[in-house]
Amino acid sequence: MNHSKRAIWLAVNSEHGDRLVQITQEHTRLARSLIVDRDQLSDEEVRIYKDRIEQLRLDRDNILQQFENEEAPLSEPL
């Protein structure tokens, strides 16, 4: 799902910002392992990594969706 830059900005600067950073870091680590270490991973590990990435994407989208229709604070840049 695509989210507006505004929704992302609001979410990152909210109480959910730290969680979004955690999601990004874990997703990046798993995706890198799937690319770099693919030949060292079992089929089961690959499935587990892919399932976890999908769960992280859902978590991220659920957070960002909360900010899609939210009013911008006065301090938001134009």
C-alpha atoms as a PDB file:
ATOM      1  CA  MET A   1       0.000   0.000   0.000  1.00  0.00           C
ATOM      2  CA  ASN A   2       1.214   3.496  -0.805  1.00  0.00           C
ATOM      3  CA  HIS A   3       0.978   6.157   1.856  1.00  0.00           C
ATOM      4  CA  SER A   4       1.216   9.892   1.506  1.00  0.00           C
ATOM      5  CA  LYS A   5       4.383  11.691   2.487  1.00  0.00           C
ATOM      6  CA  ARG A   6       2.283  13.625   4.981  1.00  0.00           C
ATOM      7  CA  ALA A   7       1.037  10.447   6.690  1.00  0.00           C
ATOM      8  CA  ILE A   8       4.584   9.103   6.897  1.00  0.00           C
ATOM      9  CA  TRP A   9       5.847  12.405   8.327  1.00  0.00           C
ATOM     10  CA  LEU A  10       3.080  12.472  10.934  1.00  0.00           C
ATOM     11  CA  ALA A  11       3.646   8.837  11.923  1.00  0.00           C
ATOM     12  CA  VAL A  12       7.426   9.126  12.226  1.00  0.00           C
ATOM     13  CA  ASN A  13       7.029  12.208  14.401  1.00  0.00           C
ATOM     14  CA  SER A  14       4.451  10.557  16.658  1.00  0.00           C
ATOM     15  CA  GLU A  15       4.661   8.072  19.497  1.00  0.00           C
ATOM     16  CA  HIS A  16       4.915   5.390  16.757  1.00  0.00           C
ATOM     17  CA  GLY A  17       8.176   6.740  15.360  1.00  0.00           C
ATOM     18  CA  ASP A  18      10.434   4.403  17.333  1.00  0.00           C
ATOM     19  CA  ARG A  19       8.383   1.370  16.295  1.00  0.00           C
ATOM     20  CA  LEU A  20       8.573   2.398  12.634  1.00  0.00           C
ATOM     21  CA  VAL A  21      12.366   2.603  12.924  1.00  0.00           C
ATOM     22  CA  GLN A  22      12.444  -0.870  14.514  1.00  0.00           C
ATOM     23  CA  ILE A  23      10.263  -2.262  11.720  1.00  0.00           C
ATOM     24  CA  THR A  24      12.529  -0.721   9.083  1.00  0.00           C
ATOM     25  CA  GLN A  25      15.688  -2.072  10.684  1.00  0.00           C
ATOM     26  CA  GLU A  26      14.345  -5.608  11.080  1.00  0.00           C
ATOM     27  CA  HIS A  27      12.858  -5.644   7.584  1.00  0.00           C
ATOM     28  CA  THR A  28      16.155  -4.461   6.102  1.00  0.00           C
ATOM     29  CA  ARG A  29      18.140  -7.073   8.038  1.00  0.00           C
ATOM     30  CA  LEU A  30      15.852  -9.895   6.912  1.00  0.00           C
ATOM     31  CA  ALA A  31      15.720  -8.757   3.284  1.00  0.00           C
ATOM     32  CA  ARG A  32      19.510  -8.458   3.180  1.00  0.00           C
ATOM     33  CA  SER A  33      19.872 -11.963   4.571  1.00  0.00           C
ATOM     34  CA  LEU A  34      17.512 -13.301   1.913  1.00  0.00           C
ATOM     35  CA  ILE A  35      19.718 -11.738  -0.771  1.00  0.00           C
ATOM     36  CA  VAL A  36      23.231 -12.189   0.611  1.00  0.00           C
ATOM     37  CA  ASP A  37      22.849 -15.423   2.587  1.00  0.00           C
ATOM     38  CA  ARG A  38      20.237 -17.137   0.412  1.00  0.00           C
ATOM     39  CA  ASP A  39      22.420 -20.166  -0.355  1.00  0.00           C
ATOM     40  CA  GLN A  40      23.048 -20.724   3.372  1.00  0.00           C
ATOM     41  CA  LEU A  41      19.376 -20.626   4.375  1.00  0.00           C
ATOM     42  CA  SER A  42      17.100 -23.633   4.388  1.00  0.00           C
ATOM     43  CA  ASP A  43      13.757 -23.486   2.603  1.00  0.00           C
ATOM     44  CA  GLU A  44      12.097 -23.320   6.019  1.00  0.00           C
ATOM     45  CA  GLU A  45      14.257 -20.344   7.069  1.00  0.00           C
ATOM     46  CA  VAL A  46      13.439 -18.551   3.830  1.00  0.00           C
ATOM     47  CA  ARG A  47       9.724 -19.090   4.444  1.00  0.00           C
ATOM     48  CA  ILE A  48      10.059 -17.845   8.041  1.00  0.00           C
ATOM     49  CA  TYR A  49      11.957 -14.728   6.910  1.00  0.00           C
ATOM     50  CA  LYS A  50       9.395 -13.972   4.193  1.00  0.00           C
ATOM     51  CA  ASP A  51       6.491 -14.470   6.594  1.00  0.00           C
ATOM     52  CA  ARG A  52       8.134 -12.140   9.119  1.00  0.00           C
ATOM     53  CA  ILE A  53       8.733  -9.498   6.435  1.00  0.00           C
ATOM     54  CA  GLU A  54       5.062  -9.692   5.471  1.00  0.00           C
ATOM     55  CA  GLN A  55       4.033  -9.265   9.123  1.00  0.00           C
ATOM     56  CA  LEU A  56       6.337  -6.251   9.457  1.00  0.00           C
ATOM     57  CA  ARG A  57       4.780  -4.707   6.347  1.00  0.00           C
ATOM     58  CA  LEU A  58       1.316  -5.182   7.803  1.00  0.00           C
ATOM     59  CA  ASP A  59       2.396  -3.626  11.102  1.00  0.00           C
ATOM     60  CA  ARG A  60       3.911  -0.658   9.242  1.00  0.00           C
ATOM     61  CA  ASP A  61       0.823  -0.194   7.080  1.00  0.00           C
ATOM     62  CA  ASN A  62      -1.487  -0.350  10.104  1.00  0.00           C
ATOM     63  CA  ILE A  63       0.495   2.408  11.810  1.00  0.00           C
ATOM     64  CA  LEU A  64       0.666   4.598   8.709  1.00  0.00           C
ATOM     65  CA  GLN A  65      -3.027   4.128   7.926  1.00  0.00           C
ATOM     66  CA  GLN A  66      -3.880   5.815  11.224  1.00  0.00           C
ATOM     67  CA  PHE A  67      -2.346   9.030   9.888  1.00  0.00           C
ATOM     68  CA  GLU A  68      -3.773   9.092   6.354  1.00  0.00           C
ATOM     69  CA  ASN A  69      -6.760  11.251   7.245  1.00  0.00           C
ATOM     70  CA  GLU A  70      -5.388  12.992  10.317  1.00  0.00           C
ATOM     71  CA  GLU A  71      -5.161  16.766  10.445  1.00  0.00           C
ATOM     72  CA  ALA A  72      -1.623  18.113  10.205  1.00  0.00           C
ATOM     73  CA  PRO A  73      -0.221  19.957  13.216  1.00  0.00           C
ATOM     74  CA  LEU A  74       0.683  23.605  12.756  1.00  0.00           C
ATOM     75  CA  SER A  75       4.399  22.797  12.890  1.00  0.00           C
ATOM     76  CA  GLU A  76       4.271  20.570   9.790  1.00  0.00           C
ATOM     77  CA  PRO A  77       6.310  21.987   6.905  1.00  0.00           C
ATOM     78  CA  LEU A  78       4.336  22.968   3.829  1.00  0.00           C
END
